[in-house]
Amino acid sequence: MSTAALLSFSLVALLTVLTPGLDTVMVLRTALLSGKRAAMGVVLGITLGCLGWGVASLAGLTALLRASELAYDVVRWLGAAYLIYLGAKALCLSSFSMARKAVSLEDSRPVPGAGASLRVGLLTNLLNPKVGVFYLSLLPQFMPAGQPAWGAALVAIHLGLGLVWLPILIAVAGRARAFLLRQQVLLDRLTASVFVALGLKLAFEAR
């Protein structure tokens, strides 16, 4: 594999990591409302989900998403339903917080453990067919034919960039957390509405 191809892939992967999306919203929301430990659980879940899609792409399994509209739609609808569930749950919790007139996150709800946060990040990515299609579309353009080991290296580069960038977001969010906790209900409802909107977008967008 040429150095130019490796650098080109790294640049493309970096742009996809830096571009704000569902992962960014989920990590920032968790960091702001539940703290660093829970947010790192989400990051680990996101990474494992991407790893699962990367392995499936190298094995050729995600080609099914391209070949079968039904398979793509099933994964898409499940992902949309899960996002809407997360958003609706957060909206209900924010309403409960307002009723109690909570002034901080710790007073209004239990902080999710690392395991629960990991599960949210993992399921959100595994139920997003766009991640699988991303790997399926991108890897063949840079991976030398007949050299699957390079495919694994490219997936590792993408995951590594995410593991660098997302903790940076967590650190930035940590500095703003004390102030934003005073605006907990507004922040919670805003990010919950984003989850619902992303779920609806995923459910109704064209393939």
C-alpha atoms as a PDB file:
ATOM      1  CA  MET A   1       0.000   0.000   0.000  1.00  0.00           C
ATOM      2  CA  SER A   2       1.455   3.360  -1.029  1.00  0.00           C
ATOM      3  CA  THR A   3       2.174   6.121   1.451  1.00  0.00           C
ATOM      4  CA  ALA A   4      -0.032   8.478  -0.575  1.00  0.00           C
ATOM      5  CA  ALA A   5      -3.001   6.107  -0.323  1.00  0.00           C
ATOM      6  CA  LEU A   6      -2.461   5.661   3.405  1.00  0.00           C
ATOM      7  CA  LEU A   7      -2.294   9.429   3.982  1.00  0.00           C
ATOM      8  CA  SER A   8      -5.361   9.984   1.793  1.00  0.00           C
ATOM      9  CA  PHE A   9      -7.381   7.465   3.768  1.00  0.00           C
ATOM     10  CA  SER A  10      -6.200   8.978   7.058  1.00  0.00           C
ATOM     11  CA  LEU A  11      -7.349  12.418   5.909  1.00  0.00           C
ATOM     12  CA  VAL A  12     -10.766  11.111   4.840  1.00  0.00           C
ATOM     13  CA  ALA A  13     -11.136   9.188   8.097  1.00  0.00           C
ATOM     14  CA  LEU A  14     -10.141  12.264  10.101  1.00  0.00           C
ATOM     15  CA  LEU A  15     -12.764  14.376   8.341  1.00  0.00           C
ATOM     16  CA  THR A  16     -15.470  11.804   9.078  1.00  0.00           C
ATOM     17  CA  VAL A  17     -14.447  11.703  12.739  1.00  0.00           C
ATOM     18  CA  LEU A  18     -14.385  15.496  13.089  1.00  0.00           C
ATOM     19  CA  THR A  19     -17.693  16.035  11.285  1.00  0.00           C
ATOM     20  CA  PRO A  20     -20.429  16.481  13.925  1.00  0.00           C
ATOM     21  CA  GLY A  21     -22.968  13.678  13.912  1.00  0.00           C
ATOM     22  CA  LEU A  22     -24.828  11.274  16.150  1.00  0.00           C
ATOM     23  CA  ASP A  23     -21.667  10.094  17.913  1.00  0.00           C
ATOM     24  CA  THR A  24     -20.682  13.684  18.715  1.00  0.00           C
ATOM     25  CA  VAL A  25     -24.131  14.506  20.101  1.00  0.00           C
ATOM     26  CA  MET A  26     -24.227  11.351  22.202  1.00  0.00           C
ATOM     27  CA  VAL A  27     -20.746  11.818  23.674  1.00  0.00           C
ATOM     28  CA  LEU A  28     -21.262  15.503  24.452  1.00  0.00           C
ATOM     29  CA  ARG A  29     -24.681  14.913  25.989  1.00  0.00           C
ATOM     30  CA  THR A  30     -23.376  12.132  28.211  1.00  0.00           C
ATOM     31  CA  ALA A  31     -20.320  14.155  29.243  1.00  0.00           C
ATOM     32  CA  LEU A  32     -22.410  17.206  30.115  1.00  0.00           C
ATOM     33  CA  LEU A  33     -25.213  15.431  31.931  1.00  0.00           C
ATOM     34  CA  SER A  34     -23.568  12.317  33.377  1.00  0.00           C
ATOM     35  CA  GLY A  35     -19.856  13.046  33.630  1.00  0.00           C
ATOM     36  CA  LYS A  36     -16.571  11.844  32.177  1.00  0.00           C
ATOM     37  CA  ARG A  37     -16.794   8.199  33.257  1.00  0.00           C
ATOM     38  CA  ALA A  38     -20.156   7.623  31.593  1.00  0.00           C
ATOM     39  CA  ALA A  39     -19.035   9.502  28.479  1.00  0.00           C
ATOM     40  CA  MET A  40     -15.955   7.304  28.150  1.00  0.00           C
ATOM     41  CA  GLY A  41     -18.266   4.300  28.336  1.00  0.00           C
ATOM     42  CA  VAL A  42     -20.157   5.697  25.348  1.00  0.00           C
ATOM     43  CA  VAL A  43     -16.865   6.234  23.490  1.00  0.00           C
ATOM     44  CA  LEU A  44     -15.865   2.624  24.100  1.00  0.00           C
ATOM     45  CA  GLY A  45     -19.281   1.431  22.920  1.00  0.00           C
ATOM     46  CA  ILE A  46     -19.029   3.552  19.765  1.00  0.00           C
ATOM     47  CA  THR A  47     -15.571   2.134  19.087  1.00  0.00           C
ATOM     48  CA  LEU A  48     -16.742  -1.459  19.547  1.00  0.00           C
ATOM     49  CA  GLY A  49     -19.724  -0.808  17.282  1.00  0.00           C
ATOM     50  CA  CYS A  50     -17.495   0.609  14.547  1.00  0.00           C
ATOM     51  CA  LEU A  51     -15.124  -2.326  15.029  1.00  0.00           C
ATOM     52  CA  GLY A  52     -18.028  -4.721  14.511  1.00  0.00           C
ATOM     53  CA  TRP A  53     -19.019  -2.990  11.274  1.00  0.00           C
ATOM     54  CA  GLY A  54     -15.381  -2.869  10.151  1.00  0.00           C
ATOM     55  CA  VAL A  55     -14.917  -6.610  10.686  1.00  0.00           C
ATOM     56  CA  ALA A  56     -18.226  -7.306   8.942  1.00  0.00           C
ATOM     57  CA  SER A  57     -17.126  -5.162   5.991  1.00  0.00           C
ATOM     58  CA  LEU A  58     -13.821  -6.995   5.660  1.00  0.00           C
ATOM     59  CA  ALA A  59     -15.727 -10.286   5.788  1.00  0.00           C
ATOM     60  CA  GLY A  60     -18.104  -9.072   3.090  1.00  0.00           C
ATOM     61  CA  LEU A  61     -21.168  -9.262   5.315  1.00  0.00           C
ATOM     62  CA  THR A  62     -22.117  -5.606   4.936  1.00  0.00           C
ATOM     63  CA  ALA A  63     -22.431  -6.133   1.190  1.00  0.00           C
ATOM     64  CA  LEU A  64     -25.845  -7.497   2.132  1.00  0.00           C
ATOM     65  CA  LEU A  65     -26.895  -3.977   3.120  1.00  0.00           C
ATOM     66  CA  ARG A  66     -26.180  -2.779  -0.383  1.00  0.00           C
ATOM     67  CA  ALA A  67     -27.638  -5.791  -2.131  1.00  0.00           C
ATOM     68  CA  SER A  68     -30.810  -6.085  -0.072  1.00  0.00           C
ATOM     69  CA  GLU A  69     -33.082  -3.125   0.455  1.00  0.00           C
ATOM     70  CA  LEU A  70     -35.030  -5.106   3.059  1.00  0.00           C
ATOM     71  CA  ALA A  71     -31.902  -5.835   5.137  1.00  0.00           C
ATOM     72  CA  TYR A  72     -30.885  -2.180   5.009  1.00  0.00           C
ATOM     73  CA  ASP A  73     -34.368  -0.990   5.972  1.00  0.00           C
ATOM     74  CA  VAL A  74     -34.664  -3.436   8.878  1.00  0.00           C
ATOM     75  CA  VAL A  75     -31.408  -2.212  10.417  1.00  0.00           C
ATOM     76  CA  ARG A  76     -32.376   1.404   9.680  1.00  0.00           C
ATOM     77  CA  TRP A  77     -35.801   1.086  11.316  1.00  0.00           C
ATOM     78  CA  LEU A  78     -34.355  -0.627  14.377  1.00  0.00           C
ATOM     79  CA  GLY A  79     -31.791   2.149  14.702  1.00  0.00           C
ATOM     80  CA  ALA A  80     -34.443   4.832  14.278  1.00  0.00           C
ATOM     81  CA  ALA A  81     -36.666   3.198  16.900  1.00  0.00           C
ATOM     82  CA  TYR A  82     -33.759   3.016  19.348  1.00  0.00           C
ATOM     83  CA  LEU A  83     -32.866   6.693  18.877  1.00  0.00           C
ATOM     84  CA  ILE A  84     -36.486   7.761  19.338  1.00  0.00           C
ATOM     85  CA  TYR A  85     -36.646   5.614  22.471  1.00  0.00           C
ATOM     86  CA  LEU A  86     -33.529   7.307  23.878  1.00  0.00           C
ATOM     87  CA  GLY A  87     -34.937  10.740  23.084  1.00  0.00           C
ATOM     88  CA  ALA A  88     -38.365   9.996  24.569  1.00  0.00           C
ATOM     89  CA  LYS A  89     -36.780   8.537  27.709  1.00  0.00           C
ATOM     90  CA  ALA A  90     -34.625  11.646  28.145  1.00  0.00           C
ATOM     91  CA  LEU A  91     -37.637  13.922  27.659  1.00  0.00           C
ATOM     92  CA  CYS A  92     -39.552  12.032  30.340  1.00  0.00           C
ATOM     93  CA  LEU A  93     -36.617  12.296  32.727  1.00  0.00           C
ATOM     94  CA  SER A  94     -36.286  16.029  32.094  1.00  0.00           C
ATOM     95  CA  SER A  95     -39.970  16.490  32.871  1.00  0.00           C
ATOM     96  CA  PHE A  96     -39.461  14.578  36.115  1.00  0.00           C
ATOM     97  CA  SER A  97     -36.489  16.804  36.921  1.00  0.00           C
ATOM     98  CA  MET A  98     -38.556  19.945  36.384  1.00  0.00           C
ATOM     99  CA  ALA A  99     -41.311  18.593  38.620  1.00  0.00           C
ATOM    100  CA  ARG A 100     -38.785  18.075  41.405  1.00  0.00           C
ATOM    101  CA  LYS A 101     -37.258  21.487  40.712  1.00  0.00           C
ATOM    102  CA  ALA A 102     -33.833  19.877  40.627  1.00  0.00           C
ATOM    103  CA  VAL A 103     -30.842  22.186  40.509  1.00  0.00           C
ATOM    104  CA  SER A 104     -28.231  19.625  39.527  1.00  0.00           C
ATOM    105  CA  LEU A 105     -27.996  16.378  37.645  1.00  0.00           C
ATOM    106  CA  GLU A 106     -26.979  14.432  40.727  1.00  0.00           C
ATOM    107  CA  ASP A 107     -30.144  15.510  42.523  1.00  0.00           C
ATOM    108  CA  SER A 108     -32.474  14.533  39.716  1.00  0.00           C
ATOM    109  CA  ARG A 109     -31.377  11.166  38.446  1.00  0.00           C
ATOM    110  CA  PRO A 110     -28.844   8.399  38.975  1.00  0.00           C
ATOM    111  CA  VAL A 111     -25.694   8.673  36.880  1.00  0.00           C
ATOM    112  CA  PRO A 112     -25.566   5.751  34.425  1.00  0.00           C
ATOM    113  CA  GLY A 113     -22.737   3.292  34.946  1.00  0.00           C
ATOM    114  CA  ALA A 114     -19.977   2.693  32.424  1.00  0.00           C
ATOM    115  CA  GLY A 115     -21.640  -0.572  31.358  1.00  0.00           C
ATOM    116  CA  ALA A 116     -24.967   1.079  30.561  1.00  0.00           C
ATOM    117  CA  SER A 117     -23.214   3.897  28.698  1.00  0.00           C
ATOM    118  CA  LEU A 118     -21.147   1.395  26.718  1.00  0.00           C
ATOM    119  CA  ARG A 119     -24.322  -0.426  25.728  1.00  0.00           C
ATOM    120  CA  VAL A 120     -25.908   2.793  24.445  1.00  0.00           C
ATOM    121  CA  GLY A 121     -22.873   3.654  22.306  1.00  0.00           C
ATOM    122  CA  LEU A 122     -22.595   0.100  21.000  1.00  0.00           C
ATOM    123  CA  LEU A 123     -26.250  -0.321  20.046  1.00  0.00           C
ATOM    124  CA  THR A 124     -26.468   3.124  18.466  1.00  0.00           C
ATOM    125  CA  ASN A 125     -23.648   2.250  16.084  1.00  0.00           C
ATOM    126  CA  LEU A 126     -24.607  -1.371  15.416  1.00  0.00           C
ATOM    127  CA  LEU A 127     -28.143  -0.271  14.520  1.00  0.00           C
ATOM    128  CA  ASN A 128     -26.925   2.414  12.119  1.00  0.00           C
ATOM    129  CA  PRO A 129     -26.520   0.878   8.639  1.00  0.00           C
ATOM    130  CA  LYS A 130     -24.705   3.991   7.439  1.00  0.00           C
ATOM    131  CA  VAL A 131     -21.642   2.927   9.414  1.00  0.00           C
ATOM    132  CA  GLY A 132     -21.520  -0.400   7.579  1.00  0.00           C
ATOM    133  CA  VAL A 133     -22.075   1.225   4.199  1.00  0.00           C
ATOM    134  CA  PHE A 134     -19.347   3.758   5.032  1.00  0.00           C
ATOM    135  CA  TYR A 135     -16.780   1.010   5.555  1.00  0.00           C
ATOM    136  CA  LEU A 136     -18.007  -0.987   2.585  1.00  0.00           C
ATOM    137  CA  SER A 137     -17.752   2.036   0.294  1.00  0.00           C
ATOM    138  CA  LEU A 138     -14.500   3.478   1.610  1.00  0.00           C
ATOM    139  CA  LEU A 139     -12.196   0.545   2.348  1.00  0.00           C
ATOM    140  CA  PRO A 140     -12.074  -0.945  -1.198  1.00  0.00           C
ATOM    141  CA  GLN A 141     -10.952   2.407  -2.605  1.00  0.00           C
ATOM    142  CA  PHE A 142      -7.747   2.355  -0.529  1.00  0.00           C
ATOM    143  CA  MET A 143      -7.145  -1.309   0.287  1.00  0.00           C
ATOM    144  CA  PRO A 144      -4.789  -3.175  -2.061  1.00  0.00           C
ATOM    145  CA  ALA A 145      -6.476  -6.108  -3.769  1.00  0.00           C
ATOM    146  CA  GLY A 146      -5.859  -9.437  -2.085  1.00  0.00           C
ATOM    147  CA  GLN A 147      -4.337  -7.880   1.041  1.00  0.00           C
ATOM    148  CA  PRO A 148      -7.015  -7.984   3.777  1.00  0.00           C
ATOM    149  CA  ALA A 149      -4.423  -7.158   6.447  1.00  0.00           C
ATOM    150  CA  TRP A 150      -4.308  -3.611   5.100  1.00  0.00           C
ATOM    151  CA  GLY A 151      -8.068  -3.415   5.496  1.00  0.00           C
ATOM    152  CA  ALA A 152      -7.685  -4.193   9.186  1.00  0.00           C
ATOM    153  CA  ALA A 153      -5.016  -1.485   9.422  1.00  0.00           C
ATOM    154  CA  LEU A 154      -7.342   1.076   7.824  1.00  0.00           C
ATOM    155  CA  VAL A 155     -10.137   0.207  10.230  1.00  0.00           C
ATOM    156  CA  ALA A 156      -7.660   0.566  13.113  1.00  0.00           C
ATOM    157  CA  ILE A 157      -6.670   4.037  11.867  1.00  0.00           C
ATOM    158  CA  HIS A 158     -10.289   5.163  11.780  1.00  0.00           C
ATOM    159  CA  LEU A 159     -10.974   3.775  15.254  1.00  0.00           C
ATOM    160  CA  GLY A 160      -7.771   5.295  16.612  1.00  0.00           C
ATOM    161  CA  LEU A 161      -8.689   8.751  15.344  1.00  0.00           C
ATOM    162  CA  GLY A 162     -12.061   8.442  17.049  1.00  0.00           C
ATOM    163  CA  LEU A 163     -10.428   7.370  20.310  1.00  0.00           C
ATOM    164  CA  VAL A 164      -8.293  10.513  20.196  1.00  0.00           C
ATOM    165  CA  TRP A 165     -10.985  13.001  19.154  1.00  0.00           C
ATOM    166  CA  LEU A 166     -13.934  11.927  21.291  1.00  0.00           C
ATOM    167  CA  PRO A 167     -12.044  12.138  24.624  1.00  0.00           C
ATOM    168  CA  ILE A 168     -11.013  15.665  23.603  1.00  0.00           C
ATOM    169  CA  LEU A 169     -14.706  16.504  23.311  1.00  0.00           C
ATOM    170  CA  ILE A 170     -15.273  15.009  26.745  1.00  0.00           C
ATOM    171  CA  ALA A 171     -12.509  17.172  28.231  1.00  0.00           C
ATOM    172  CA  VAL A 172     -13.980  20.309  26.646  1.00  0.00           C
ATOM    173  CA  ALA A 173     -17.464  19.396  27.847  1.00  0.00           C
ATOM    174  CA  GLY A 174     -16.145  18.834  31.363  1.00  0.00           C
ATOM    175  CA  ARG A 175     -15.077  22.468  31.595  1.00  0.00           C
ATOM    176  CA  ALA A 176     -18.559  23.641  30.666  1.00  0.00           C
ATOM    177  CA  ARG A 177     -20.465  21.097  32.743  1.00  0.00           C
ATOM    178  CA  ALA A 178     -20.731  23.102  35.960  1.00  0.00           C
ATOM    179  CA  PHE A 179     -22.408  25.996  34.177  1.00  0.00           C
ATOM    180  CA  LEU A 180     -24.644  23.899  31.964  1.00  0.00           C
ATOM    181  CA  LEU A 181     -25.926  21.800  34.856  1.00  0.00           C
ATOM    182  CA  ARG A 182     -27.756  24.899  36.000  1.00  0.00           C
ATOM    183  CA  GLN A 183     -29.589  24.718  32.675  1.00  0.00           C
ATOM    184  CA  GLN A 184     -30.150  20.969  33.018  1.00  0.00           C
ATOM    185  CA  VAL A 185     -33.777  20.734  31.922  1.00  0.00           C
ATOM    186  CA  LEU A 186     -33.248  22.933  28.856  1.00  0.00           C
ATOM    187  CA  LEU A 187     -30.101  21.051  27.846  1.00  0.00           C
ATOM    188  CA  ASP A 188     -31.693  17.668  28.454  1.00  0.00           C
ATOM    189  CA  ARG A 189     -34.757  18.489  26.372  1.00  0.00           C
ATOM    190  CA  LEU A 190     -32.678  19.997  23.589  1.00  0.00           C
ATOM    191  CA  THR A 191     -30.400  16.972  23.209  1.00  0.00           C
ATOM    192  CA  ALA A 192     -33.313  14.555  23.653  1.00  0.00           C
ATOM    193  CA  SER A 193     -35.143  16.340  20.834  1.00  0.00           C
ATOM    194  CA  VAL A 194     -32.028  15.919  18.678  1.00  0.00           C
ATOM    195  CA  PHE A 195     -32.132  12.151  19.288  1.00  0.00           C
ATOM    196  CA  VAL A 196     -35.786  11.991  18.279  1.00  0.00           C
ATOM    197  CA  ALA A 197     -35.112  14.124  15.175  1.00  0.00           C
ATOM    198  CA  LEU A 198     -32.173  11.933  14.135  1.00  0.00           C
ATOM    199  CA  GLY A 199     -34.279   8.827  14.655  1.00  0.00           C
ATOM    200  CA  LEU A 200     -37.085  10.202  12.484  1.00  0.00           C
ATOM    201  CA  LYS A 201     -34.575  11.283   9.837  1.00  0.00           C
ATOM    202  CA  LEU A 202     -33.051   7.808   9.793  1.00  0.00           C
ATOM    203  CA  ALA A 203     -36.486   6.209   9.569  1.00  0.00           C
ATOM    204  CA  PHE A 204     -37.816   8.264   6.668  1.00  0.00           C
ATOM    205  CA  GLU A 205     -34.769   9.178   4.589  1.00  0.00           C
ATOM    206  CA  ALA A 206     -34.234   7.612   1.204  1.00  0.00           C
ATOM    207  CA  ARG A 207     -31.882   4.661   0.972  1.00  0.00           C
END
